[in-house]
């Protein structure tokens, strides 16, 4: 009786009322990272502000730099493309509307630069990616000093454009003392004026691009090949497929997304090609040769903006190049979606 009266007089605590629960669990103890219970205190307000604002503070430097050095110049270029602006008189602007774009579309030099950009991009991209896949396939198998070979393939990418172009300009010297013409002479072929010939100059510029970017793309393909499951090759070998059949029926289908990525990136790089033809042409580099035979869109924009001084037309060229890149990106999105559906 006495114990029952004491139990009625002293109600059980929450820990005693719930057998098996952790001691003090009902007291609302806070773990690490848990906001304070008092939501009205300054600590709870600081905690909520920190949780909401910290992610934006971490990524804000990128957006500040992007806005200052990319977005603002882009919008300013759009404004210039709608005005008559001369490099020698930036304050003397006059409204032009779409006149710069109309003048651009009616200019034979623009269409020549667009054609040269497409030709050089095609000549440099196809052999470059084909050689990159072949090199990646060789490095995919165990070779002695594979790490050294990977570093060697990446060396051209790390070489400056000026140094590489200077060497290739000597290789493609129009005189017979140029190494390429010397090799042609050994084969009984006539020397080529690589700086004045239409196809010769474009081939010479494309060779610089191929040399610089083949190793870079080969490492991308190598990383994609190493992610292919080995079971697929084992199954193909059990079915009697040789190395070539395994490469064509297993490796290439698994590399389709990577190949599409490198094609798009190479196309963007070809559209923006500037340094190689500028330095290869020497004195007439901004013109793309004496007859504009290897003038790209990048060179044409530079020539209009900083040689002639017509910033309005140069800005219109820049936005036309941006439109071309957007079309390439849209085509990439369309093809990638169809590849996903096919898989």
Foldseek 3Di string as FASTA:
>chain_A
DVVVVVCVVDPDDPPVVDPPDDPPPVVPDDDPLDADPPCVDPRNVVSVCCVPCVVCVVCVVVVVCCCVPPVVVLVVLVVLLQWFAFQVCRPPIDGRGCVLVVVLVPDPLNVLQAVLLVVLLVLQQVVLLVLLLVVLLVLLDDDPPSVVVLVVLQVLQVDDLLVLLVVLLQCLDQDCPRVVNVVCVVVVHHGDRLQADLVSVSNSLSVSSSSNCSSVLSVLLNVQQVPFDVVLVVVCVVVPDDPVRCCVVPSVLSCVLVSLVSSLVSSLCSLQDQSNQQSSNPPCSLCSHPVSSNNHLNSPLCCCCPVVRRSNSSSSSVVVSVVVSVVSVVVSVVVVVVSVVVD
